[in-house]
Amino acid sequence: MVFFRYNRKDLKGTFLAIALSFVSDICITKLTFMKLYSKEIKDTVDKFLKGYSKVIANTRFAKNLHKNLKVVKRRALVIWIFLVSDAVIFLVLPIIAPGRHFSIDSYLIYGLEPMTETPNYEIATFCLTITTGFGVYTMASIAVYVIVVVGYNEAQLHALSVELRNVWEDSRNFYNNIKHRIKNKKHAVYIKEQIMNEFIRIRLKDVIKFHIASINLQHELDKEFRPIFVVEYTIMALAIIAELLGGLENTYLVIPYTIVLILMDCLSGQRLIDACDDFERSLYFCRWENFNTSNQKTVLLMLMMSQKTLMLSAGGFTKLNYNCLMVILKSTYSTYTTLQSTVKKHTEL
């Protein structure tokens, strides 16, 4: 219908229509996915909540977890506000402009021509407002869900890293608080080592439980979103190309929206990778050389587990991080520059 409605002399309008169609398809695709996998998503959220219920309130771990979760909340809020604000500006601009205009005047709705005449104008404005509002609100809500659930693992890994870095000092403080109870002064040094290593053993046991839970939950989450990320990123890459070919004067509000949709997942994936790296470094700096053999083996096990970095992926083969973002932007711009010369040749004919 797009190519039937726009002839070869109006290729810019054709690409503009394709771009808006792709942006709409992203919303439909992701909403359909959330509906089809609603049971699995609810189960995953329940597991996150059960894991959170095991956190003891008013501990250093709980305080650091909440502190990091506030950062995740702020990130999700900024993304949500940006997406919604972009949509509001997109819809309000034609209303405050003099005369009868649409957000993109060259975008034509089949069967409503001329679109500036009554009642076509009112019908078209109503349809565009409802569909744009629904699509953006849906995408913003799903985006916040992904940011929050991935961000919880990120926050928990950072909090666990703090616990590991302080485990040796905590064991010393624990011993200093109870050493006055020791009656046998002859074996005080041996008893001190026993008490401190037992404290470390219990603390490492708690850390490894949370770490394993984070690994399992992230693998489940990645498995759920892996297929949809492939489809979504393919559509968004094509959308960016079409938006550029449609002209920046027409798509200056649509392009930031599409780029932010890509950025938010890559940002969440990169922050998760950074948290895993922080956890791995904390294992090196936990002063494991002072532990007994059993606790050293536990640290070694955790180190081996942390070697495989947690991540978000598209299809299980592409990590969603800053490198992925740059590859997408570079490849889409390269494709755009190639197609632009072809489009110019066709319009000149």
C-alpha atoms as a PDB file:
ATOM      1  CA  MET A   1       0.000   0.000   0.000  1.00  0.00           C
ATOM      2  CA  VAL A   2       2.923   2.349   0.757  1.00  0.00           C
ATOM      3  CA  PHE A   3       4.397   1.954  -2.728  1.00  0.00           C
ATOM      4  CA  PHE A   4       0.939   2.161  -4.309  1.00  0.00           C
ATOM      5  CA  ARG A   5       0.207   5.422  -2.499  1.00  0.00           C
ATOM      6  CA  TYR A   6       3.590   7.113  -3.088  1.00  0.00           C
ATOM      7  CA  ASN A   7       4.984   7.176  -6.613  1.00  0.00           C
ATOM      8  CA  ARG A   8       8.667   7.094  -7.569  1.00  0.00           C
ATOM      9  CA  LYS A   9       8.852  10.890  -7.746  1.00  0.00           C
ATOM     10  CA  ASP A  10       7.952  11.119  -4.064  1.00  0.00           C
ATOM     11  CA  LEU A  11      10.568   8.737  -2.680  1.00  0.00           C
ATOM     12  CA  LYS A  12      11.082  10.939   0.365  1.00  0.00           C
ATOM     13  CA  GLY A  13       7.420  10.522   1.272  1.00  0.00           C
ATOM     14  CA  THR A  14       7.719   6.783   0.647  1.00  0.00           C
ATOM     15  CA  PHE A  15      10.655   6.418   3.028  1.00  0.00           C
ATOM     16  CA  LEU A  16       8.890   8.611   5.548  1.00  0.00           C
ATOM     17  CA  ALA A  17       5.853   6.329   5.497  1.00  0.00           C
ATOM     18  CA  ILE A  18       8.101   3.268   5.785  1.00  0.00           C
ATOM     19  CA  ALA A  19       9.948   4.811   8.749  1.00  0.00           C
ATOM     20  CA  LEU A  20       6.736   5.513  10.668  1.00  0.00           C
ATOM     21  CA  SER A  21       5.482   2.022   9.828  1.00  0.00           C
ATOM     22  CA  PHE A  22       8.665   0.485  11.229  1.00  0.00           C
ATOM     23  CA  VAL A  23       8.380   2.531  14.427  1.00  0.00           C
ATOM     24  CA  SER A  24       4.788   1.315  14.826  1.00  0.00           C
ATOM     25  CA  ASP A  25       5.848  -2.273  14.120  1.00  0.00           C
ATOM     26  CA  ILE A  26       8.322  -2.148  17.016  1.00  0.00           C
ATOM     27  CA  CYS A  27       5.475  -1.382  19.417  1.00  0.00           C
ATOM     28  CA  ILE A  28       3.195  -4.083  17.990  1.00  0.00           C
ATOM     29  CA  THR A  29       5.981  -6.683  17.990  1.00  0.00           C
ATOM     30  CA  LYS A  30       7.059  -6.025  21.569  1.00  0.00           C
ATOM     31  CA  LEU A  31       3.499  -5.827  22.906  1.00  0.00           C
ATOM     32  CA  THR A  32       2.647  -9.128  21.202  1.00  0.00           C
ATOM     33  CA  PHE A  33       5.746 -10.703  22.734  1.00  0.00           C
ATOM     34  CA  MET A  34       4.822  -9.474  26.224  1.00  0.00           C
ATOM     35  CA  LYS A  35       1.324 -10.914  25.835  1.00  0.00           C
ATOM     36  CA  LEU A  36       2.505 -14.284  24.506  1.00  0.00           C
ATOM     37  CA  TYR A  37       5.145 -14.698  27.222  1.00  0.00           C
ATOM     38  CA  SER A  38       3.189 -13.051  30.035  1.00  0.00           C
ATOM     39  CA  LYS A  39       3.275 -16.195  32.210  1.00  0.00           C
ATOM     40  CA  GLU A  40       7.057 -16.558  31.909  1.00  0.00           C
ATOM     41  CA  ILE A  41       7.544 -12.853  32.597  1.00  0.00           C
ATOM     42  CA  LYS A  42       5.351 -13.018  35.715  1.00  0.00           C
ATOM     43  CA  ASP A  43       7.298 -16.052  36.959  1.00  0.00           C
ATOM     44  CA  THR A  44      10.582 -14.206  36.448  1.00  0.00           C
ATOM     45  CA  VAL A  45       9.310 -11.154  38.346  1.00  0.00           C
ATOM     46  CA  ASP A  46       8.126 -13.418  41.197  1.00  0.00           C
ATOM     47  CA  LYS A  47      11.620 -14.927  41.415  1.00  0.00           C
ATOM     48  CA  PHE A  48      13.151 -11.462  41.605  1.00  0.00           C
ATOM     49  CA  LEU A  49      10.734 -10.550  44.407  1.00  0.00           C
ATOM     50  CA  LYS A  50      11.500 -13.770  46.300  1.00  0.00           C
ATOM     51  CA  GLY A  51      15.204 -13.026  46.026  1.00  0.00           C
ATOM     52  CA  TYR A  52      14.641  -9.502  47.297  1.00  0.00           C
ATOM     53  CA  SER A  53      12.618 -10.820  50.261  1.00  0.00           C
ATOM     54  CA  LYS A  54      15.751 -12.636  51.502  1.00  0.00           C
ATOM     55  CA  VAL A  55      17.630  -9.355  51.918  1.00  0.00           C
ATOM     56  CA  ILE A  56      17.906  -8.462  55.614  1.00  0.00           C
ATOM     57  CA  ALA A  57      16.741  -4.915  56.262  1.00  0.00           C
ATOM     58  CA  ASN A  58      19.048  -2.220  57.672  1.00  0.00           C
ATOM     59  CA  THR A  59      22.214  -4.129  56.799  1.00  0.00           C
ATOM     60  CA  ARG A  60      25.025  -2.618  54.755  1.00  0.00           C
ATOM     61  CA  PHE A  61      24.087  -4.933  51.889  1.00  0.00           C
ATOM     62  CA  ALA A  62      20.459  -3.761  51.969  1.00  0.00           C
ATOM     63  CA  LYS A  63      21.483  -0.092  52.128  1.00  0.00           C
ATOM     64  CA  ASN A  64      23.893  -0.435  49.193  1.00  0.00           C
ATOM     65  CA  LEU A  65      21.292  -2.383  47.232  1.00  0.00           C
ATOM     66  CA  HIS A  66      18.711   0.372  47.753  1.00  0.00           C
ATOM     67  CA  LYS A  67      21.288   3.020  46.894  1.00  0.00           C
ATOM     68  CA  ASN A  68      22.078   1.329  43.571  1.00  0.00           C
ATOM     69  CA  LEU A  69      18.399   0.691  42.872  1.00  0.00           C
ATOM     70  CA  LYS A  70      17.767   4.428  43.177  1.00  0.00           C
ATOM     71  CA  VAL A  71      20.262   4.945  40.342  1.00  0.00           C
ATOM     72  CA  VAL A  72      18.379   2.372  38.254  1.00  0.00           C
ATOM     73  CA  LYS A  73      15.066   4.039  39.105  1.00  0.00           C
ATOM     74  CA  ARG A  74      16.431   7.435  38.058  1.00  0.00           C
ATOM     75  CA  ARG A  75      17.685   5.942  34.780  1.00  0.00           C
ATOM     76  CA  ALA A  76      14.296   4.368  34.044  1.00  0.00           C
ATOM     77  CA  LEU A  77      12.497   7.603  34.934  1.00  0.00           C
ATOM     78  CA  VAL A  78      14.697   9.685  32.619  1.00  0.00           C
ATOM     79  CA  ILE A  79      14.112   7.271  29.715  1.00  0.00           C
ATOM     80  CA  TRP A  80      10.343   7.193  30.329  1.00  0.00           C
ATOM     81  CA  ILE A  81      10.086  10.990  30.578  1.00  0.00           C
ATOM     82  CA  PHE A  82      12.151  11.466  27.408  1.00  0.00           C
ATOM     83  CA  LEU A  83      10.055   9.036  25.333  1.00  0.00           C
ATOM     84  CA  VAL A  84       6.749  10.455  26.548  1.00  0.00           C
ATOM     85  CA  SER A  85       7.923  14.080  26.194  1.00  0.00           C
ATOM     86  CA  ASP A  86       9.126  13.409  22.664  1.00  0.00           C
ATOM     87  CA  ALA A  87       5.682  12.029  21.783  1.00  0.00           C
ATOM     88  CA  VAL A  88       3.886  14.976  23.416  1.00  0.00           C
ATOM     89  CA  ILE A  89       6.015  17.484  21.465  1.00  0.00           C
ATOM     90  CA  PHE A  90       5.431  15.443  18.300  1.00  0.00           C
ATOM     91  CA  LEU A  91       1.648  15.739  18.782  1.00  0.00           C
ATOM     92  CA  VAL A  92       1.488  19.314  20.114  1.00  0.00           C
ATOM     93  CA  LEU A  93       3.618  21.054  17.453  1.00  0.00           C
ATOM     94  CA  PRO A  94       1.006  20.838  14.651  1.00  0.00           C
ATOM     95  CA  ILE A  95      -1.703  22.079  17.040  1.00  0.00           C
ATOM     96  CA  ILE A  96       0.118  25.277  17.984  1.00  0.00           C
ATOM     97  CA  ALA A  97       1.298  25.941  14.414  1.00  0.00           C
ATOM     98  CA  PRO A  98      -0.906  28.329  12.372  1.00  0.00           C
ATOM     99  CA  GLY A  99      -3.253  26.618   9.951  1.00  0.00           C
ATOM    100  CA  ARG A 100      -4.116  22.948   9.684  1.00  0.00           C
ATOM    101  CA  HIS A 101      -1.042  20.788  10.000  1.00  0.00           C
ATOM    102  CA  PHE A 102      -0.009  17.318  11.067  1.00  0.00           C
ATOM    103  CA  SER A 103       3.127  16.166  12.834  1.00  0.00           C
ATOM    104  CA  ILE A 104       4.412  15.126   9.410  1.00  0.00           C
ATOM    105  CA  ASP A 105       2.438  16.831   6.647  1.00  0.00           C
ATOM    106  CA  SER A 106       3.734  14.598   3.886  1.00  0.00           C
ATOM    107  CA  TYR A 107       2.461  11.457   5.644  1.00  0.00           C
ATOM    108  CA  LEU A 108      -0.862  10.508   4.040  1.00  0.00           C
ATOM    109  CA  ILE A 109      -3.534   8.232   5.473  1.00  0.00           C
ATOM    110  CA  TYR A 110      -5.206   6.089   2.844  1.00  0.00           C
ATOM    111  CA  GLY A 111      -8.846   7.112   2.273  1.00  0.00           C
ATOM    112  CA  LEU A 112      -8.617  10.467   4.090  1.00  0.00           C
ATOM    113  CA  GLU A 113      -7.664  12.828   1.278  1.00  0.00           C
ATOM    114  CA  PRO A 114      -7.581  15.753   1.216  1.00  0.00           C
ATOM    115  CA  MET A 115      -6.437  15.441   4.849  1.00  0.00           C
ATOM    116  CA  THR A 116      -6.730  19.150   5.660  1.00  0.00           C
ATOM    117  CA  GLU A 117     -10.455  19.256   4.862  1.00  0.00           C
ATOM    118  CA  THR A 118     -13.241  18.637   7.368  1.00  0.00           C
ATOM    119  CA  PRO A 119     -14.007  15.949   8.574  1.00  0.00           C
ATOM    120  CA  ASN A 120     -10.861  14.210   7.274  1.00  0.00           C
ATOM    121  CA  TYR A 121      -8.635  16.512   9.318  1.00  0.00           C
ATOM    122  CA  GLU A 122     -10.419  15.742  12.591  1.00  0.00           C
ATOM    123  CA  ILE A 123     -10.488  11.985  11.900  1.00  0.00           C
ATOM    124  CA  ALA A 124      -6.808  11.900  10.926  1.00  0.00           C
ATOM    125  CA  THR A 125      -5.778  13.975  13.960  1.00  0.00           C
ATOM    126  CA  PHE A 126      -7.754  11.706  16.292  1.00  0.00           C
ATOM    127  CA  CYS A 127      -6.286   8.523  14.773  1.00  0.00           C
ATOM    128  CA  LEU A 128      -2.705   9.814  14.836  1.00  0.00           C
ATOM    129  CA  THR A 129      -3.045  11.047  18.432  1.00  0.00           C
ATOM    130  CA  ILE A 130      -4.504   7.767  19.714  1.00  0.00           C
ATOM    131  CA  THR A 131      -2.076   5.499  17.863  1.00  0.00           C
ATOM    132  CA  THR A 132       0.990   7.604  18.717  1.00  0.00           C
ATOM    133  CA  GLY A 133       0.023   7.900  22.372  1.00  0.00           C
ATOM    134  CA  PHE A 134      -0.727   4.193  22.707  1.00  0.00           C
ATOM    135  CA  GLY A 135       2.442   3.139  20.897  1.00  0.00           C
ATOM    136  CA  VAL A 136       4.792   5.415  22.830  1.00  0.00           C
ATOM    137  CA  TYR A 137       3.215   4.643  26.220  1.00  0.00           C
ATOM    138  CA  THR A 138       3.481   0.911  25.506  1.00  0.00           C
ATOM    139  CA  MET A 139       7.129   1.132  24.448  1.00  0.00           C
ATOM    140  CA  ALA A 140       8.029   3.387  27.391  1.00  0.00           C
ATOM    141  CA  SER A 141       6.406   1.001  29.884  1.00  0.00           C
ATOM    142  CA  ILE A 142       8.139  -2.064  28.421  1.00  0.00           C
ATOM    143  CA  ALA A 143      11.424  -0.141  28.356  1.00  0.00           C
ATOM    144  CA  VAL A 144      11.087   0.657  32.056  1.00  0.00           C
ATOM    145  CA  TYR A 145      10.387  -3.018  32.812  1.00  0.00           C
ATOM    146  CA  VAL A 146      13.585  -4.135  31.056  1.00  0.00           C
ATOM    147  CA  ILE A 147      15.661  -1.391  32.697  1.00  0.00           C
ATOM    148  CA  VAL A 148      14.351  -2.230  36.177  1.00  0.00           C
ATOM    149  CA  VAL A 149      14.710  -6.033  36.069  1.00  0.00           C
ATOM    150  CA  VAL A 150      18.185  -5.890  34.510  1.00  0.00           C
ATOM    151  CA  GLY A 151      19.063  -3.012  36.826  1.00  0.00           C
ATOM    152  CA  TYR A 152      18.148  -5.089  39.881  1.00  0.00           C
ATOM    153  CA  ASN A 153      20.826  -7.629  38.996  1.00  0.00           C
ATOM    154  CA  GLU A 154      23.246  -4.774  38.369  1.00  0.00           C
ATOM    155  CA  ALA A 155      22.463  -3.201  41.760  1.00  0.00           C
ATOM    156  CA  GLN A 156      22.752  -6.534  43.561  1.00  0.00           C
ATOM    157  CA  LEU A 157      26.143  -7.310  42.010  1.00  0.00           C
ATOM    158  CA  HIS A 158      27.484  -3.898  43.058  1.00  0.00           C
ATOM    159  CA  ALA A 159      26.177  -4.450  46.602  1.00  0.00           C
ATOM    160  CA  LEU A 160      27.761  -7.924  46.739  1.00  0.00           C
ATOM    161  CA  SER A 161      31.047  -6.417  45.558  1.00  0.00           C
ATOM    162  CA  VAL A 162      31.057  -4.087  48.561  1.00  0.00           C
ATOM    163  CA  GLU A 163      30.437  -7.046  50.880  1.00  0.00           C
ATOM    164  CA  LEU A 164      33.370  -8.963  49.408  1.00  0.00           C
ATOM    165  CA  ARG A 165      35.741  -6.017  49.693  1.00  0.00           C
ATOM    166  CA  ASN A 166      34.865  -5.626  53.374  1.00  0.00           C
ATOM    167  CA  VAL A 167      34.577  -9.270  54.418  1.00  0.00           C
ATOM    168  CA  TRP A 168      38.070  -9.421  55.951  1.00  0.00           C
ATOM    169  CA  GLU A 169      37.631  -6.200  57.948  1.00  0.00           C
ATOM    170  CA  ASP A 170      34.175  -7.344  59.032  1.00  0.00           C
ATOM    171  CA  SER A 171      35.624 -10.599  60.370  1.00  0.00           C
ATOM    172  CA  ARG A 172      38.255  -8.664  62.340  1.00  0.00           C
ATOM    173  CA  ASN A 173      35.623  -6.337  63.774  1.00  0.00           C
ATOM    174  CA  PHE A 174      33.469  -9.320  64.697  1.00  0.00           C
ATOM    175  CA  TYR A 175      36.383 -10.943  66.518  1.00  0.00           C
ATOM    176  CA  ASN A 176      37.248  -7.731  68.369  1.00  0.00           C
ATOM    177  CA  ASN A 177      33.666  -7.526  69.609  1.00  0.00           C
ATOM    178  CA  ILE A 178      33.682 -11.034  71.093  1.00  0.00           C
ATOM    179  CA  LYS A 179      37.333 -11.635  72.047  1.00  0.00           C
ATOM    180  CA  HIS A 180      36.664 -10.726  75.671  1.00  0.00           C
ATOM    181  CA  ARG A 181      34.584 -13.909  75.917  1.00  0.00           C
ATOM    182  CA  ILE A 182      37.554 -16.159  75.100  1.00  0.00           C
ATOM    183  CA  LYS A 183      38.724 -17.982  78.230  1.00  0.00           C
ATOM    184  CA  ASN A 184      41.625 -19.974  76.799  1.00  0.00           C
ATOM    185  CA  LYS A 185      44.346 -17.347  76.320  1.00  0.00           C
ATOM    186  CA  LYS A 186      47.000 -19.959  75.398  1.00  0.00           C
ATOM    187  CA  HIS A 187      45.301 -20.746  72.102  1.00  0.00           C
ATOM    188  CA  ALA A 188      44.005 -17.240  71.460  1.00  0.00           C
ATOM    189  CA  VAL A 189      45.706 -16.922  68.053  1.00  0.00           C
ATOM    190  CA  TYR A 190      44.326 -20.256  66.833  1.00  0.00           C
ATOM    191  CA  ILE A 191      40.869 -19.433  68.157  1.00  0.00           C
ATOM    192  CA  LYS A 192      41.049 -16.018  66.493  1.00  0.00           C
ATOM    193  CA  GLU A 193      41.747 -17.625  63.107  1.00  0.00           C
ATOM    194  CA  GLN A 194      38.913 -20.099  63.625  1.00  0.00           C
ATOM    195  CA  ILE A 195      36.408 -17.406  64.549  1.00  0.00           C
ATOM    196  CA  MET A 196      37.396 -15.101  61.709  1.00  0.00           C
ATOM    197  CA  ASN A 197      37.375 -17.855  59.085  1.00  0.00           C
ATOM    198  CA  GLU A 198      34.026 -19.147  60.310  1.00  0.00           C
ATOM    199  CA  PHE A 199      32.608 -15.636  60.000  1.00  0.00           C
ATOM    200  CA  ILE A 200      34.075 -15.379  56.482  1.00  0.00           C
ATOM    201  CA  ARG A 201      32.664 -18.808  55.558  1.00  0.00           C
ATOM    202  CA  ILE A 202      29.142 -17.776  56.546  1.00  0.00           C
ATOM    203  CA  ARG A 203      29.459 -14.434  54.769  1.00  0.00           C
ATOM    204  CA  LEU A 204      30.807 -16.039  51.572  1.00  0.00           C
ATOM    205  CA  LYS A 205      27.999 -18.580  51.709  1.00  0.00           C
ATOM    206  CA  ASP A 206      25.439 -15.761  51.720  1.00  0.00           C
ATOM    207  CA  VAL A 207      27.226 -13.922  48.900  1.00  0.00           C
ATOM    208  CA  ILE A 208      27.425 -17.011  46.700  1.00  0.00           C
ATOM    209  CA  LYS A 209      23.699 -17.681  47.184  1.00  0.00           C
ATOM    210  CA  PHE A 210      22.809 -14.204  45.935  1.00  0.00           C
ATOM    211  CA  HIS A 211      25.355 -14.481  43.130  1.00  0.00           C
ATOM    212  CA  ILE A 212      23.940 -17.797  41.894  1.00  0.00           C
ATOM    213  CA  ALA A 213      20.414 -16.359  42.071  1.00  0.00           C
ATOM    214  CA  SER A 214      21.528 -13.367  39.971  1.00  0.00           C
ATOM    215  CA  ILE A 215      23.146 -15.642  37.384  1.00  0.00           C
ATOM    216  CA  ASN A 216      20.083 -17.878  37.065  1.00  0.00           C
ATOM    217  CA  LEU A 217      17.629 -14.976  36.864  1.00  0.00           C
ATOM    218  CA  GLN A 218      19.704 -13.135  34.278  1.00  0.00           C
ATOM    219  CA  HIS A 219      19.975 -16.271  32.140  1.00  0.00           C
ATOM    220  CA  GLU A 220      16.188 -16.687  32.301  1.00  0.00           C
ATOM    221  CA  LEU A 221      15.638 -13.041  31.420  1.00  0.00           C
ATOM    222  CA  ASP A 222      18.100 -13.174  28.531  1.00  0.00           C
ATOM    223  CA  LYS A 223      16.490 -16.353  27.237  1.00  0.00           C
ATOM    224  CA  GLU A 224      13.064 -14.684  27.268  1.00  0.00           C
ATOM    225  CA  PHE A 225      14.102 -11.468  25.492  1.00  0.00           C
ATOM    226  CA  ARG A 226      16.723 -12.929  23.171  1.00  0.00           C
ATOM    227  CA  PRO A 227      14.343 -13.589  20.198  1.00  0.00           C
ATOM    228  CA  ILE A 228      12.485 -10.284  20.416  1.00  0.00           C
ATOM    229  CA  PHE A 229      15.707  -8.256  20.613  1.00  0.00           C
ATOM    230  CA  VAL A 230      16.819  -9.682  17.250  1.00  0.00           C
ATOM    231  CA  VAL A 231      13.545  -8.693  15.588  1.00  0.00           C
ATOM    232  CA  GLU A 232      13.385  -5.337  17.374  1.00  0.00           C
ATOM    233  CA  TYR A 233      16.923  -4.267  16.528  1.00  0.00           C
ATOM    234  CA  THR A 234      16.545  -5.310  12.900  1.00  0.00           C
ATOM    235  CA  ILE A 235      13.378  -3.220  12.598  1.00  0.00           C
ATOM    236  CA  MET A 236      14.940  -0.241  14.396  1.00  0.00           C
ATOM    237  CA  ALA A 237      18.034  -0.313  12.170  1.00  0.00           C
ATOM    238  CA  LEU A 238      15.788  -0.249   9.100  1.00  0.00           C
ATOM    239  CA  ALA A 239      13.698   2.500  10.710  1.00  0.00           C
ATOM    240  CA  ILE A 240      16.752   4.734  11.232  1.00  0.00           C
ATOM    241  CA  ILE A 241      17.788   4.281   7.591  1.00  0.00           C
ATOM    242  CA  ALA A 242      14.276   5.124   6.384  1.00  0.00           C
ATOM    243  CA  GLU A 243      14.085   8.128   8.746  1.00  0.00           C
ATOM    244  CA  LEU A 244      17.323   9.545   7.372  1.00  0.00           C
ATOM    245  CA  LEU A 245      16.156   9.002   3.791  1.00  0.00           C
ATOM    246  CA  GLY A 246      12.836  10.628   4.677  1.00  0.00           C
ATOM    247  CA  GLY A 247      14.653  13.853   5.551  1.00  0.00           C
ATOM    248  CA  LEU A 248      15.741  15.214   8.919  1.00  0.00           C
ATOM    249  CA  GLU A 249      13.369  18.161   8.489  1.00  0.00           C
ATOM    250  CA  ASN A 250      10.510  15.644   8.756  1.00  0.00           C
ATOM    251  CA  THR A 251      11.918  13.125  11.234  1.00  0.00           C
ATOM    252  CA  TYR A 252      13.898  15.270  13.702  1.00  0.00           C
ATOM    253  CA  LEU A 253      11.596  14.058  16.502  1.00  0.00           C
ATOM    254  CA  VAL A 254      11.311  10.450  15.328  1.00  0.00           C
ATOM    255  CA  ILE A 255      15.056   9.754  15.024  1.00  0.00           C
ATOM    256  CA  PRO A 256      15.858  10.577  18.703  1.00  0.00           C
ATOM    257  CA  TYR A 257      12.963   8.331  19.757  1.00  0.00           C
ATOM    258  CA  THR A 258      14.315   5.397  17.733  1.00  0.00           C
ATOM    259  CA  ILE A 259      17.910   5.928  18.863  1.00  0.00           C
ATOM    260  CA  VAL A 260      16.870   6.076  22.531  1.00  0.00           C
ATOM    261  CA  LEU A 261      15.004   2.772  22.116  1.00  0.00           C
ATOM    262  CA  ILE A 262      18.297   1.225  21.010  1.00  0.00           C
ATOM    263  CA  LEU A 263      20.354   3.123  23.572  1.00  0.00           C
ATOM    264  CA  MET A 264      18.335   2.061  26.619  1.00  0.00           C
ATOM    265  CA  ASP A 265      18.887  -1.689  26.087  1.00  0.00           C
ATOM    266  CA  CYS A 266      22.559  -1.205  25.207  1.00  0.00           C
ATOM    267  CA  LEU A 267      22.959   0.999  28.286  1.00  0.00           C
ATOM    268  CA  SER A 268      21.340  -1.620  30.541  1.00  0.00           C
ATOM    269  CA  GLY A 269      23.511  -4.334  29.017  1.00  0.00           C
ATOM    270  CA  GLN A 270      26.692  -2.261  29.448  1.00  0.00           C
ATOM    271  CA  ARG A 271      25.862  -1.404  33.064  1.00  0.00           C
ATOM    272  CA  LEU A 272      25.300  -5.104  33.785  1.00  0.00           C
ATOM    273  CA  ILE A 273      28.683  -5.974  32.251  1.00  0.00           C
ATOM    274  CA  ASP A 274      30.320  -3.229  34.345  1.00  0.00           C
ATOM    275  CA  ALA A 275      28.682  -4.644  37.491  1.00  0.00           C
ATOM    276  CA  CYS A 276      30.014  -8.129  36.664  1.00  0.00           C
ATOM    277  CA  ASP A 277      33.508  -6.691  36.187  1.00  0.00           C
ATOM    278  CA  ASP A 278      33.202  -4.894  39.527  1.00  0.00           C
ATOM    279  CA  PHE A 279      32.187  -8.159  41.215  1.00  0.00           C
ATOM    280  CA  GLU A 280      35.132  -9.983  39.642  1.00  0.00           C
ATOM    281  CA  ARG A 281      37.571  -7.295  40.795  1.00  0.00           C
ATOM    282  CA  SER A 282      36.164  -7.436  44.316  1.00  0.00           C
ATOM    283  CA  LEU A 283      37.104 -11.127  44.496  1.00  0.00           C
ATOM    284  CA  TYR A 284      40.729 -10.188  43.870  1.00  0.00           C
ATOM    285  CA  PHE A 285      40.628  -7.433  46.503  1.00  0.00           C
ATOM    286  CA  CYS A 286      38.804  -9.347  49.263  1.00  0.00           C
ATOM    287  CA  ARG A 287      42.187 -10.285  50.837  1.00  0.00           C
ATOM    288  CA  TRP A 288      41.623 -13.941  50.118  1.00  0.00           C
ATOM    289  CA  GLU A 289      45.300 -14.696  50.848  1.00  0.00           C
ATOM    290  CA  ASN A 290      44.444 -14.394  54.572  1.00  0.00           C
ATOM    291  CA  PHE A 291      41.628 -16.952  54.399  1.00  0.00           C
ATOM    292  CA  ASN A 292      41.940 -20.621  55.244  1.00  0.00           C
ATOM    293  CA  THR A 293      42.031 -23.233  52.469  1.00  0.00           C
ATOM    294  CA  SER A 294      38.286 -23.898  52.499  1.00  0.00           C
ATOM    295  CA  ASN A 295      37.378 -20.230  52.118  1.00  0.00           C
ATOM    296  CA  GLN A 296      40.023 -19.766  49.430  1.00  0.00           C
ATOM    297  CA  LYS A 297      38.398 -22.587  47.449  1.00  0.00           C
ATOM    298  CA  THR A 298      35.041 -20.834  47.798  1.00  0.00           C
ATOM    299  CA  VAL A 299      36.539 -17.597  46.468  1.00  0.00           C
ATOM    300  CA  LEU A 300      38.113 -19.527  43.586  1.00  0.00           C
ATOM    301  CA  LEU A 301      34.726 -21.081  42.766  1.00  0.00           C
ATOM    302  CA  MET A 302      33.080 -17.652  42.743  1.00  0.00           C
ATOM    303  CA  LEU A 303      35.878 -16.325  40.556  1.00  0.00           C
ATOM    304  CA  MET A 304      35.329 -19.128  38.052  1.00  0.00           C
ATOM    305  CA  MET A 305      31.590 -18.392  38.035  1.00  0.00           C
ATOM    306  CA  SER A 306      32.227 -14.695  37.453  1.00  0.00           C
ATOM    307  CA  GLN A 307      34.460 -15.353  34.434  1.00  0.00           C
ATOM    308  CA  LYS A 308      31.363 -15.770  32.269  1.00  0.00           C
ATOM    309  CA  THR A 309      30.003 -12.235  32.234  1.00  0.00           C
ATOM    310  CA  LEU A 310      26.251 -11.760  32.525  1.00  0.00           C
ATOM    311  CA  MET A 311      24.758  -9.865  29.618  1.00  0.00           C
ATOM    312  CA  LEU A 312      21.743  -8.966  27.535  1.00  0.00           C
ATOM    313  CA  SER A 313      21.963 -10.354  24.027  1.00  0.00           C
ATOM    314  CA  ALA A 314      20.168 -10.214  20.702  1.00  0.00           C
ATOM    315  CA  GLY A 315      19.670 -13.797  19.606  1.00  0.00           C
ATOM    316  CA  GLY A 316      22.343 -15.036  21.989  1.00  0.00           C
ATOM    317  CA  PHE A 317      25.229 -14.000  19.744  1.00  0.00           C
ATOM    318  CA  THR A 318      25.366 -10.180  19.943  1.00  0.00           C
ATOM    319  CA  LYS A 319      26.052  -8.480  23.273  1.00  0.00           C
ATOM    320  CA  LEU A 320      23.946  -5.398  23.884  1.00  0.00           C
ATOM    321  CA  ASN A 321      26.536  -2.846  24.988  1.00  0.00           C
ATOM    322  CA  TYR A 322      28.150   0.369  23.780  1.00  0.00           C
ATOM    323  CA  ASN A 323      30.055  -1.492  21.060  1.00  0.00           C
ATOM    324  CA  CYS A 324      26.780  -2.895  19.728  1.00  0.00           C
ATOM    325  CA  LEU A 325      25.263   0.603  19.744  1.00  0.00           C
ATOM    326  CA  MET A 326      28.169   2.025  17.740  1.00  0.00           C
ATOM    327  CA  VAL A 327      28.068  -0.871  15.253  1.00  0.00           C
ATOM    328  CA  ILE A 328      24.340  -0.293  14.652  1.00  0.00           C
ATOM    329  CA  LEU A 329      24.751   3.465  14.210  1.00  0.00           C
ATOM    330  CA  LYS A 330      27.766   3.100  11.912  1.00  0.00           C
ATOM    331  CA  SER A 331      26.168   0.399   9.759  1.00  0.00           C
ATOM    332  CA  THR A 332      22.862   2.274   9.437  1.00  0.00           C
ATOM    333  CA  TYR A 333      24.610   5.514   8.486  1.00  0.00           C
ATOM    334  CA  SER A 334      26.805   3.662   5.986  1.00  0.00           C
ATOM    335  CA  THR A 335      23.706   2.090   4.423  1.00  0.00           C
ATOM    336  CA  TYR A 336      21.985   5.491   4.382  1.00  0.00           C
ATOM    337  CA  THR A 337      24.860   7.182   2.514  1.00  0.00           C
ATOM    338  CA  THR A 338      24.864   4.349  -0.030  1.00  0.00           C
ATOM    339  CA  LEU A 339      21.111   4.510  -0.615  1.00  0.00           C
ATOM    340  CA  GLN A 340      21.019   8.311  -0.664  1.00  0.00           C
ATOM    341  CA  SER A 341      23.005   8.502  -3.886  1.00  0.00           C
ATOM    342  CA  THR A 342      20.696   5.898  -5.449  1.00  0.00           C
ATOM    343  CA  VAL A 343      17.600   7.833  -4.382  1.00  0.00           C
ATOM    344  CA  LYS A 344      18.985  11.060  -5.879  1.00  0.00           C
ATOM    345  CA  LYS A 345      19.552   9.349  -9.219  1.00  0.00           C
ATOM    346  CA  HIS A 346      15.964   8.048  -9.293  1.00  0.00           C
ATOM    347  CA  THR A 347      14.452  11.413  -8.389  1.00  0.00           C
ATOM    348  CA  GLU A 348      16.435  13.120 -11.160  1.00  0.00           C
ATOM    349  CA  LEU A 349      15.071  10.746 -13.799  1.00  0.00           C
END
